[in-house]
C-alpha atoms as a PDB file:
ATOM      1  CA  UNK A   1     -68.588-181.091  -7.965  1.00  0.00           C
ATOM      2  CA  UNK A   2     -68.807-181.668  -4.188  1.00  0.00           C
ATOM      3  CA  UNK A   3     -68.675-185.326  -4.757  1.00  0.00           C
ATOM      4  CA  UNK A   4     -65.228-184.872  -6.692  1.00  0.00           C
ATOM      5  CA  UNK A   5     -64.002-182.629  -3.987  1.00  0.00           C
ATOM      6  CA  UNK A   6     -65.148-184.889  -1.265  1.00  0.00           C
ATOM      7  CA  UNK A   7     -63.328-187.935  -3.041  1.00  0.00           C
ATOM      8  CA  UNK A   8     -60.208-185.962  -3.868  1.00  0.00           C
ATOM      9  CA  UNK A   9     -60.035-184.787  -0.317  1.00  0.00           C
ATOM     10  CA  UNK A  10     -60.609-188.353   1.158  1.00  0.00           C
ATOM     11  CA  UNK A  11     -57.934-189.746  -1.200  1.00  0.00           C
ATOM     12  CA  UNK A  12     -55.530-187.137  -0.161  1.00  0.00           C
ATOM     13  CA  UNK A  13     -56.052-187.535   3.390  1.00  0.00           C
ATOM     14  CA  UNK A  14     -55.656-191.290   2.985  1.00  0.00           C
ATOM     15  CA  UNK A  15     -51.976-190.687   2.062  1.00  0.00           C
ATOM     16  CA  UNK A  16     -51.611-188.414   5.071  1.00  0.00           C
ATOM     17  CA  UNK A  17     -50.084-189.706   8.356  1.00  0.00           C
ATOM     18  CA  UNK A  18     -52.478-190.635  10.834  1.00  0.00           C
ATOM     19  CA  UNK A  19     -52.410-189.018  14.175  1.00  0.00           C
ATOM     20  CA  UNK A  20     -51.431-190.985  17.260  1.00  0.00           C
ATOM     21  CA  UNK A  21     -53.557-190.346  20.425  1.00  0.00           C
ATOM     22  CA  UNK A  22     -50.491-190.701  22.489  1.00  0.00           C
ATOM     23  CA  UNK A  23     -48.904-187.908  20.668  1.00  0.00           C
ATOM     24  CA  UNK A  24     -51.586-185.313  20.940  1.00  0.00           C
ATOM     25  CA  UNK A  25     -50.926-182.074  22.629  1.00  0.00           C
ATOM     26  CA  UNK A  26     -53.617-180.547  24.695  1.00  0.00           C
ATOM     27  CA  UNK A  27     -54.719-177.022  23.164  1.00  0.00           C
ATOM     28  CA  UNK A  28     -52.689-177.726  19.828  1.00  0.00           C
ATOM     29  CA  UNK A  29     -54.995-176.824  16.993  1.00  0.00           C
ATOM     30  CA  UNK A  30     -55.114-179.200  14.179  1.00  0.00           C
ATOM     31  CA  UNK A  31     -56.011-178.516  10.545  1.00  0.00           C
ATOM     32  CA  UNK A  32     -58.706-180.402   8.956  1.00  0.00           C
ATOM     33  CA  UNK A  33     -59.145-178.837   5.754  1.00  0.00           C
ATOM     34  CA  UNK A  34     -61.627-176.508   4.038  1.00  0.00           C
ATOM     35  CA  UNK A  35     -64.711-176.849   1.793  1.00  0.00           C
ATOM     36  CA  UNK A  36     -66.625-174.639  -0.656  1.00  0.00           C
ATOM     37  CA  UNK A  37     -70.288-175.547  -0.993  1.00  0.00           C
ATOM     38  CA  UNK A  38     -72.036-174.892  -4.203  1.00  0.00           C
ATOM     39  CA  UNK A  39     -76.017-173.773  -4.504  1.00  0.00           C
ATOM     40  CA  UNK A  40     -76.475-177.531  -5.548  1.00  0.00           C
ATOM     41  CA  UNK A  41     -74.445-178.920  -2.669  1.00  0.00           C
ATOM     42  CA  UNK A  42     -76.400-176.993  -0.103  1.00  0.00           C
ATOM     43  CA  UNK A  43     -79.832-178.000  -1.663  1.00  0.00           C
ATOM     44  CA  UNK A  44     -78.880-181.604  -2.140  1.00  0.00           C
ATOM     45  CA  UNK A  45     -77.611-181.879   1.595  1.00  0.00           C
ATOM     46  CA  UNK A  46     -80.947-180.046   2.821  1.00  0.00           C
ATOM     47  CA  UNK A  47     -83.308-182.079   0.836  1.00  0.00           C
ATOM     48  CA  UNK A  48     -81.888-185.263   2.497  1.00  0.00           C
ATOM     49  CA  UNK A  49     -81.214-183.882   6.158  1.00  0.00           C
ATOM     50  CA  UNK A  50     -82.788-180.282   6.767  1.00  0.00           C
ATOM     51  CA  UNK A  51     -85.622-179.612   4.093  1.00  0.00           C
ATOM     52  CA  UNK A  52     -86.281-175.986   5.401  1.00  0.00           C
ATOM     53  CA  UNK A  53     -87.027-173.236   2.631  1.00  0.00           C
ATOM     54  CA  UNK A  54     -83.994-171.205   3.302  1.00  0.00           C
ATOM     55  CA  UNK A  55     -81.770-174.385   2.365  1.00  0.00           C
ATOM     56  CA  UNK A  56     -83.839-175.758  -0.509  1.00  0.00           C
ATOM     57  CA  UNK A  57     -85.584-172.753  -2.251  1.00  0.00           C
ATOM     58  CA  UNK A  58     -83.535-169.862  -3.629  1.00  0.00           C
ATOM     59  CA  UNK A  59     -86.550-167.381  -3.898  1.00  0.00           C
ATOM     60  CA  UNK A  60     -87.740-168.142  -0.350  1.00  0.00           C
ATOM     61  CA  UNK A  61     -84.170-168.019   0.869  1.00  0.00           C
ATOM     62  CA  UNK A  62     -83.726-164.354  -0.667  1.00  0.00           C
ATOM     63  CA  UNK A  63     -86.830-163.338   1.137  1.00  0.00           C
ATOM     64  CA  UNK A  64     -85.647-164.798   4.517  1.00  0.00           C
ATOM     65  CA  UNK A  65     -83.454-163.233   7.199  1.00  0.00           C
ATOM     66  CA  UNK A  66     -80.582-164.814   5.452  1.00  0.00           C
ATOM     67  CA  UNK A  67     -81.272-162.786   2.249  1.00  0.00           C
ATOM     68  CA  UNK A  68     -79.934-165.995   0.028  1.00  0.00           C
ATOM     69  CA  UNK A  69     -79.507-169.659   0.358  1.00  0.00           C
ATOM     70  CA  UNK A  70     -77.631-170.962   3.198  1.00  0.00           C
ATOM     71  CA  UNK A  71     -76.171-174.322   4.094  1.00  0.00           C
ATOM     72  CA  UNK A  72     -77.685-176.407   6.942  1.00  0.00           C
ATOM     73  CA  UNK A  73     -75.883-175.964  10.204  1.00  0.00           C
ATOM     74  CA  UNK A  74     -74.808-179.594  10.390  1.00  0.00           C
ATOM     75  CA  UNK A  75     -73.468-179.621   6.693  1.00  0.00           C
ATOM     76  CA  UNK A  76     -70.168-177.998   7.456  1.00  0.00           C
ATOM     77  CA  UNK A  77     -69.359-180.028  10.350  1.00  0.00           C
ATOM     78  CA  UNK A  78     -70.476-183.255   8.697  1.00  0.00           C
ATOM     79  CA  UNK A  79     -68.223-182.539   5.417  1.00  0.00           C
ATOM     80  CA  UNK A  80     -65.067-181.457   7.239  1.00  0.00           C
ATOM     81  CA  UNK A  81     -65.600-184.290   9.954  1.00  0.00           C
ATOM     82  CA  UNK A  82     -65.799-186.860   7.234  1.00  0.00           C
ATOM     83  CA  UNK A  83     -63.176-185.512   4.978  1.00  0.00           C
ATOM     84  CA  UNK A  84     -60.576-184.114   7.549  1.00  0.00           C
ATOM     85  CA  UNK A  85     -60.983-185.440  11.317  1.00  0.00           C
ATOM     86  CA  UNK A  86     -61.811-189.097  10.285  1.00  0.00           C
ATOM     87  CA  UNK A  87     -58.879-189.793   8.154  1.00  0.00           C
ATOM     88  CA  UNK A  88     -56.526-188.521  10.770  1.00  0.00           C
ATOM     89  CA  UNK A  89     -57.933-190.146  14.297  1.00  0.00           C
ATOM     90  CA  UNK A  90     -60.929-192.266  13.014  1.00  0.00           C
ATOM     91  CA  UNK A  91     -58.777-195.494  13.222  1.00  0.00           C
ATOM     92  CA  UNK A  92     -58.840-194.781  17.139  1.00  0.00           C
ATOM     93  CA  UNK A  93     -62.428-194.201  17.841  1.00  0.00           C
ATOM     94  CA  UNK A  94     -64.386-196.503  19.980  1.00  0.00           C
ATOM     95  CA  UNK A  95     -67.632-194.348  20.227  1.00  0.00           C
ATOM     96  CA  UNK A  96     -68.766-190.643  20.478  1.00  0.00           C
ATOM     97  CA  UNK A  97     -70.095-189.763  24.087  1.00  0.00           C
ATOM     98  CA  UNK A  98     -71.498-186.286  23.566  1.00  0.00           C
ATOM     99  CA  UNK A  99     -71.799-182.866  21.668  1.00  0.00           C
ATOM    100  CA  UNK A 100     -71.867-179.788  23.621  1.00  0.00           C
ATOM    101  CA  UNK A 101     -71.831-176.036  22.891  1.00  0.00           C
ATOM    102  CA  UNK A 102     -72.768-176.235  19.237  1.00  0.00           C
ATOM    103  CA  UNK A 103     -73.205-172.680  18.250  1.00  0.00           C
ATOM    104  CA  UNK A 104     -74.216-171.342  14.775  1.00  0.00           C
ATOM    105  CA  UNK A 105     -72.638-167.989  14.684  1.00  0.00           C
ATOM    106  CA  UNK A 106     -72.748-167.018  11.124  1.00  0.00           C
ATOM    107  CA  UNK A 107     -74.582-168.238   7.967  1.00  0.00           C
ATOM    108  CA  UNK A 108     -72.801-170.224   5.254  1.00  0.00           C
ATOM    109  CA  UNK A 109     -73.537-168.990   1.905  1.00  0.00           C
ATOM    110  CA  UNK A 110     -72.835-171.027  -1.344  1.00  0.00           C
ATOM    111  CA  UNK A 111     -69.295-170.543  -2.703  1.00  0.00           C
ATOM    112  CA  UNK A 112     -67.811-169.389   0.515  1.00  0.00           C
ATOM    113  CA  UNK A 113     -64.891-171.293   1.603  1.00  0.00           C
ATOM    114  CA  UNK A 114     -64.746-172.385   5.192  1.00  0.00           C
ATOM    115  CA  UNK A 115     -61.787-173.560   6.968  1.00  0.00           C
ATOM    116  CA  UNK A 116     -62.018-176.410   9.634  1.00  0.00           C
ATOM    117  CA  UNK A 117     -59.796-176.939  12.874  1.00  0.00           C
ATOM    118  CA  UNK A 118     -60.110-179.256  15.923  1.00  0.00           C
ATOM    119  CA  UNK A 119     -58.157-178.855  18.975  1.00  0.00           C
ATOM    120  CA  UNK A 120     -57.956-181.568  21.981  1.00  0.00           C
ATOM    121  CA  UNK A 121     -59.149-179.489  24.954  1.00  0.00           C
ATOM    122  CA  UNK A 122     -59.367-182.171  27.547  1.00  0.00           C
ATOM    123  CA  UNK A 123     -57.572-185.633  27.245  1.00  0.00           C
ATOM    124  CA  UNK A 124     -58.063-188.176  29.975  1.00  0.00           C
ATOM    125  CA  UNK A 125     -56.704-191.765  30.190  1.00  0.00           C
ATOM    126  CA  UNK A 126     -59.570-193.862  31.917  1.00  0.00           C
ATOM    127  CA  UNK A 127     -58.961-197.076  33.755  1.00  0.00           C
ATOM    128  CA  UNK A 128     -59.478-199.404  30.898  1.00  0.00           C
ATOM    129  CA  UNK A 129     -56.601-197.763  28.947  1.00  0.00           C
ATOM    130  CA  UNK A 130     -58.642-196.044  26.678  1.00  0.00           C
ATOM    131  CA  UNK A 131     -58.728-192.152  26.205  1.00  0.00           C
ATOM    132  CA  UNK A 132     -61.497-189.609  26.550  1.00  0.00           C
ATOM    133  CA  UNK A 133     -61.123-186.725  24.550  1.00  0.00           C
ATOM    134  CA  UNK A 134     -63.007-183.237  24.220  1.00  0.00           C
ATOM    135  CA  UNK A 135     -62.304-181.992  20.555  1.00  0.00           C
ATOM    136  CA  UNK A 136     -63.058-178.332  20.132  1.00  0.00           C
ATOM    137  CA  UNK A 137     -64.220-177.949  16.374  1.00  0.00           C
ATOM    138  CA  UNK A 138     -63.871-174.345  14.870  1.00  0.00           C
ATOM    139  CA  UNK A 139     -64.962-173.156  11.364  1.00  0.00           C
ATOM    140  CA  UNK A 140     -64.037-169.848   9.941  1.00  0.00           C
ATOM    141  CA  UNK A 141     -64.657-168.191   6.816  1.00  0.00           C
ATOM    142  CA  UNK A 142     -62.411-166.386   4.372  1.00  0.00           C
ATOM    143  CA  UNK A 143     -61.834-163.207   6.818  1.00  0.00           C
ATOM    144  CA  UNK A 144     -61.115-165.752   9.710  1.00  0.00           C
ATOM    145  CA  UNK A 145     -64.476-164.978  11.442  1.00  0.00           C
ATOM    146  CA  UNK A 146     -65.765-167.824  13.264  1.00  0.00           C
ATOM    147  CA  UNK A 147     -68.967-169.138  11.854  1.00  0.00           C
ATOM    148  CA  UNK A 148     -69.541-172.178  13.958  1.00  0.00           C
ATOM    149  CA  UNK A 149     -67.943-174.144  16.945  1.00  0.00           C
ATOM    150  CA  UNK A 150     -68.611-176.864  19.005  1.00  0.00           C
ATOM    151  CA  UNK A 151     -67.229-179.657  21.457  1.00  0.00           C
ATOM    152  CA  UNK A 152     -67.505-183.485  20.919  1.00  0.00           C
ATOM    153  CA  UNK A 153     -66.258-186.018  23.470  1.00  0.00           C
ATOM    154  CA  UNK A 154     -65.003-189.098  22.036  1.00  0.00           C
ATOM    155  CA  UNK A 155     -63.704-192.477  23.696  1.00  0.00           C
ATOM    156  CA  UNK A 156     -60.487-193.506  21.897  1.00  0.00           C
ATOM    157  CA  UNK A 157     -58.561-196.652  22.031  1.00  0.00           C
ATOM    158  CA  UNK A 158     -55.040-196.158  22.804  1.00  0.00           C
END
């Protein structure tokens, strides 16, 4: 099911207008979509990337501090970065420079919808006409509570 959602989201975003780095507004939040992970989505991702019991074993997860199966911390970022952010500005990326202040504030459970936004919080043109941008990612649940946040510094071409 997640594969279908990712494909649909990717196709939808392919038809969206790509963002121009020149027109970005400092501190203006940009919606990058939402995702709802099934139990199987969580297990499959964790088996490949983060095979801890509370990500892959329902019984063990129920006995953990989470009291249920939870997504790997990187899963929400990876999905929404790929389906929401990359189609908008991926065409301008030269390379990533750093990740800072990645905070996992609340667990993400199966069938919980998580919304993602990115905000350019720092924009600087450097001497070779490339642009350094610090993007603040924020992921919120259906109660609009922050579940995860991070800052990613990217070198973009103009």
